[in-house]
Amino acid sequence: MNSEAEKPTKDIVWSVVDKEFAVRNVPFSRMDADGEEFLSLGVSAKLELIRELMLNDEVPHDVNFEDVADLKFSN
């Protein structure tokens, strides 16, 4: 079973030069002791890739993380 699928999700939205970008249903974890939220390294890397693709208009500016989570880095 995929551990990412079991985690809670949230939307991450940011603005760049008056344009809004959103990635929906991003999996994250909570730290019980502090109540802090964090993203795994893999999720963070994929968000960076998605952000770059959005800024270059190669993917829509509003996407569901599950729909683009299979994107891979290439040389």
N, C-alpha and C. Protein backbone atom coordinates (compact mmCIF):
# COMPACT_ATOMS: atom_id res chain seq x y z
N MET A 1 0.84 -1.18 0.00
CA MET A 1 0.00 0.00 0.00
C MET A 1 0.88 1.24 0.00
N ASN A 2 0.52 2.23 -0.75
CA ASN A 2 1.30 3.46 -0.87
C ASN A 2 1.11 4.32 0.37
N SER A 3 2.20 4.59 1.09
CA SER A 3 2.10 5.38 2.32
C SER A 3 1.70 6.83 2.03
N GLU A 4 2.02 7.35 0.84
CA GLU A 4 1.63 8.71 0.49
C GLU A 4 0.10 8.82 0.44
N ALA A 5 -0.58 7.75 -0.02
CA ALA A 5 -2.03 7.78 -0.14
C ALA A 5 -2.72 7.82 1.22
N GLU A 6 -2.07 7.34 2.26
CA GLU A 6 -2.66 7.29 3.59
C GLU A 6 -2.51 8.61 4.35
N LYS A 7 -1.68 9.49 3.90
CA LYS A 7 -1.42 10.75 4.61
C LYS A 7 -2.52 11.75 4.33
N PRO A 8 -2.71 12.69 5.27
CA PRO A 8 -3.66 13.77 4.99
C PRO A 8 -3.14 14.61 3.83
N THR A 9 -4.03 15.35 3.21
CA THR A 9 -3.62 16.20 2.09
C THR A 9 -4.06 17.64 2.33
N LYS A 10 -3.42 18.54 1.60
CA LYS A 10 -3.80 19.95 1.65
C LYS A 10 -3.47 20.57 0.30
N ASP A 11 -4.04 21.74 0.07
CA ASP A 11 -3.78 22.49 -1.15
C ASP A 11 -2.64 23.46 -0.89
N ILE A 12 -1.74 23.56 -1.86
CA ILE A 12 -0.65 24.52 -1.78
C ILE A 12 -0.86 25.52 -2.91
N VAL A 13 -0.97 26.78 -2.54
CA VAL A 13 -1.27 27.84 -3.50
C VAL A 13 -0.26 28.95 -3.31
N TRP A 14 0.26 29.48 -4.42
CA TRP A 14 1.17 30.62 -4.34
C TRP A 14 0.94 31.53 -5.54
N SER A 15 1.40 32.76 -5.41
CA SER A 15 1.26 33.75 -6.48
C SER A 15 2.64 34.20 -6.93
N VAL A 16 2.77 34.34 -8.24
CA VAL A 16 4.00 34.85 -8.84
C VAL A 16 3.59 35.83 -9.92
N VAL A 17 4.03 37.07 -9.80
CA VAL A 17 3.74 38.13 -10.77
C VAL A 17 2.25 38.14 -11.11
N ASP A 18 1.42 38.27 -10.08
CA ASP A 18 -0.03 38.39 -10.23
C ASP A 18 -0.71 37.17 -10.85
N LYS A 19 -0.04 36.03 -10.91
CA LYS A 19 -0.66 34.79 -11.36
C LYS A 19 -0.72 33.84 -10.17
N GLU A 20 -1.84 33.14 -10.04
CA GLU A 20 -1.98 32.19 -8.95
C GLU A 20 -1.76 30.77 -9.47
N PHE A 21 -1.03 30.00 -8.69
CA PHE A 21 -0.72 28.61 -9.01
C PHE A 21 -1.19 27.74 -7.85
N ALA A 22 -1.78 26.58 -8.16
CA ALA A 22 -2.30 25.73 -7.10
C ALA A 22 -2.02 24.26 -7.41
N VAL A 23 -1.58 23.56 -6.38
CA VAL A 23 -1.45 22.11 -6.45
C VAL A 23 -2.36 21.57 -5.36
N ARG A 24 -3.36 20.82 -5.75
CA ARG A 24 -4.38 20.31 -4.83
C ARG A 24 -4.01 18.92 -4.30
N ASN A 25 -4.48 18.62 -3.12
CA ASN A 25 -4.34 17.28 -2.53
C ASN A 25 -2.90 16.82 -2.37
N VAL A 26 -2.04 17.71 -1.88
CA VAL A 26 -0.64 17.39 -1.65
C VAL A 26 -0.52 16.64 -0.32
N PRO A 27 0.06 15.43 -0.33
CA PRO A 27 0.20 14.68 0.93
C PRO A 27 1.24 15.31 1.84
N PHE A 28 0.96 15.31 3.15
CA PHE A 28 1.89 15.85 4.14
C PHE A 28 1.79 15.03 5.41
N SER A 29 2.71 15.25 6.32
CA SER A 29 2.71 14.57 7.61
C SER A 29 2.65 15.60 8.72
N ARG A 30 2.14 15.17 9.87
CA ARG A 30 2.09 16.03 11.05
C ARG A 30 3.04 15.46 12.10
N MET A 31 3.73 16.34 12.79
CA MET A 31 4.56 15.92 13.91
C MET A 31 3.70 16.01 15.15
N ASP A 32 3.50 14.89 15.82
CA ASP A 32 2.61 14.84 16.97
C ASP A 32 3.03 15.80 18.09
N ALA A 33 4.30 15.86 18.38
CA ALA A 33 4.77 16.65 19.52
C ALA A 33 4.57 18.15 19.30
N ASP A 34 4.85 18.62 18.11
CA ASP A 34 4.84 20.06 17.86
C ASP A 34 3.61 20.55 17.09
N GLY A 35 2.85 19.64 16.52
CA GLY A 35 1.74 20.06 15.69
C GLY A 35 2.18 20.66 14.37
N GLU A 36 3.46 20.47 14.03
CA GLU A 36 4.01 21.00 12.78
C GLU A 36 3.64 20.09 11.61
N GLU A 37 3.58 20.66 10.43
CA GLU A 37 3.34 19.90 9.21
C GLU A 37 4.61 19.91 8.37
N PHE A 38 4.86 18.81 7.67
CA PHE A 38 6.00 18.79 6.77
C PHE A 38 5.72 17.91 5.57
N LEU A 39 6.46 18.17 4.49
CA LEU A 39 6.36 17.41 3.26
C LEU A 39 7.57 16.49 3.17
N SER A 40 7.38 15.31 2.61
CA SER A 40 8.51 14.41 2.41
C SER A 40 9.43 15.00 1.34
N LEU A 41 10.65 14.52 1.30
CA LEU A 41 11.61 14.99 0.31
C LEU A 41 11.10 14.72 -1.11
N GLY A 42 10.52 13.56 -1.32
CA GLY A 42 9.98 13.22 -2.64
C GLY A 42 8.86 14.15 -3.07
N VAL A 43 7.95 14.45 -2.16
CA VAL A 43 6.84 15.35 -2.47
C VAL A 43 7.38 16.75 -2.73
N SER A 44 8.33 17.20 -1.92
CA SER A 44 8.92 18.53 -2.11
C SER A 44 9.59 18.65 -3.48
N ALA A 45 10.33 17.62 -3.87
CA ALA A 45 10.99 17.64 -5.17
C ALA A 45 9.98 17.68 -6.31
N LYS A 46 8.90 16.90 -6.18
CA LYS A 46 7.88 16.91 -7.22
C LYS A 46 7.17 18.27 -7.28
N LEU A 47 6.95 18.89 -6.14
CA LEU A 47 6.34 20.22 -6.14
C LEU A 47 7.23 21.23 -6.86
N GLU A 48 8.52 21.13 -6.67
CA GLU A 48 9.45 22.03 -7.36
C GLU A 48 9.37 21.81 -8.88
N LEU A 49 9.32 20.56 -9.31
CA LEU A 49 9.18 20.25 -10.73
C LEU A 49 7.86 20.80 -11.27
N ILE A 50 6.78 20.56 -10.54
CA ILE A 50 5.46 21.05 -10.96
C ILE A 50 5.46 22.57 -11.05
N ARG A 51 6.07 23.23 -10.07
CA ARG A 51 6.15 24.70 -10.07
C ARG A 51 6.86 25.21 -11.32
N GLU A 52 7.99 24.61 -11.64
CA GLU A 52 8.74 25.03 -12.83
C GLU A 52 7.91 24.81 -14.10
N LEU A 53 7.21 23.68 -14.19
CA LEU A 53 6.37 23.42 -15.36
C LEU A 53 5.23 24.42 -15.46
N MET A 54 4.66 24.79 -14.32
CA MET A 54 3.59 25.78 -14.31
C MET A 54 4.11 27.14 -14.77
N LEU A 55 5.26 27.55 -14.24
CA LEU A 55 5.83 28.84 -14.61
C LEU A 55 6.15 28.92 -16.09
N ASN A 56 6.46 27.77 -16.70
CA ASN A 56 6.76 27.71 -18.13
C ASN A 56 5.53 27.37 -18.96
N ASP A 57 4.35 27.39 -18.33
CA ASP A 57 3.07 27.09 -19.00
C ASP A 57 3.07 25.73 -19.68
N GLU A 58 3.76 24.76 -19.10
CA GLU A 58 3.78 23.41 -19.66
C GLU A 58 2.74 22.50 -19.02
N VAL A 59 2.20 22.90 -17.89
CA VAL A 59 1.07 22.23 -17.25
C VAL A 59 0.11 23.32 -16.78
N PRO A 60 -1.16 22.97 -16.56
CA PRO A 60 -2.12 23.98 -16.08
C PRO A 60 -1.67 24.60 -14.76
N HIS A 61 -2.18 25.78 -14.45
CA HIS A 61 -1.81 26.49 -13.24
C HIS A 61 -2.57 26.00 -12.01
N ASP A 62 -3.48 25.06 -12.19
CA ASP A 62 -4.22 24.46 -11.08
C ASP A 62 -4.32 22.96 -11.38
N VAL A 63 -3.61 22.15 -10.59
CA VAL A 63 -3.57 20.71 -10.84
C VAL A 63 -3.79 19.94 -9.54
N ASN A 64 -4.19 18.69 -9.70
CA ASN A 64 -4.31 17.77 -8.58
C ASN A 64 -2.98 17.03 -8.48
N PHE A 65 -2.37 17.00 -7.30
CA PHE A 65 -1.07 16.37 -7.11
C PHE A 65 -1.08 14.93 -7.62
N GLU A 66 -2.16 14.19 -7.36
CA GLU A 66 -2.24 12.79 -7.77
C GLU A 66 -2.15 12.64 -9.29
N ASP A 67 -2.63 13.64 -10.03
CA ASP A 67 -2.61 13.58 -11.49
C ASP A 67 -1.21 13.81 -12.07
N VAL A 68 -0.34 14.49 -11.33
CA VAL A 68 0.99 14.81 -11.84
C VAL A 68 2.11 14.18 -11.01
N ALA A 69 1.77 13.38 -10.03
CA ALA A 69 2.78 12.80 -9.14
C ALA A 69 3.71 11.83 -9.84
N ASP A 70 3.32 11.33 -11.00
CA ASP A 70 4.17 10.37 -11.72
C ASP A 70 5.19 11.05 -12.63
N LEU A 71 5.22 12.38 -12.66
CA LEU A 71 6.21 13.08 -13.46
C LEU A 71 7.61 12.69 -13.00
N LYS A 72 8.52 12.58 -13.93
CA LYS A 72 9.88 12.19 -13.61
C LYS A 72 10.85 13.27 -14.08
N PHE A 73 11.95 13.40 -13.37
CA PHE A 73 13.03 14.30 -13.79
C PHE A 73 13.80 13.62 -14.91
N SER A 74 14.24 14.40 -15.89
CA SER A 74 15.08 13.84 -16.96
C SER A 74 16.21 14.82 -17.25
N ASN A 75 17.23 14.32 -17.90
CA ASN A 75 18.40 15.16 -18.24
C ASN A 75 18.17 15.91 -19.52
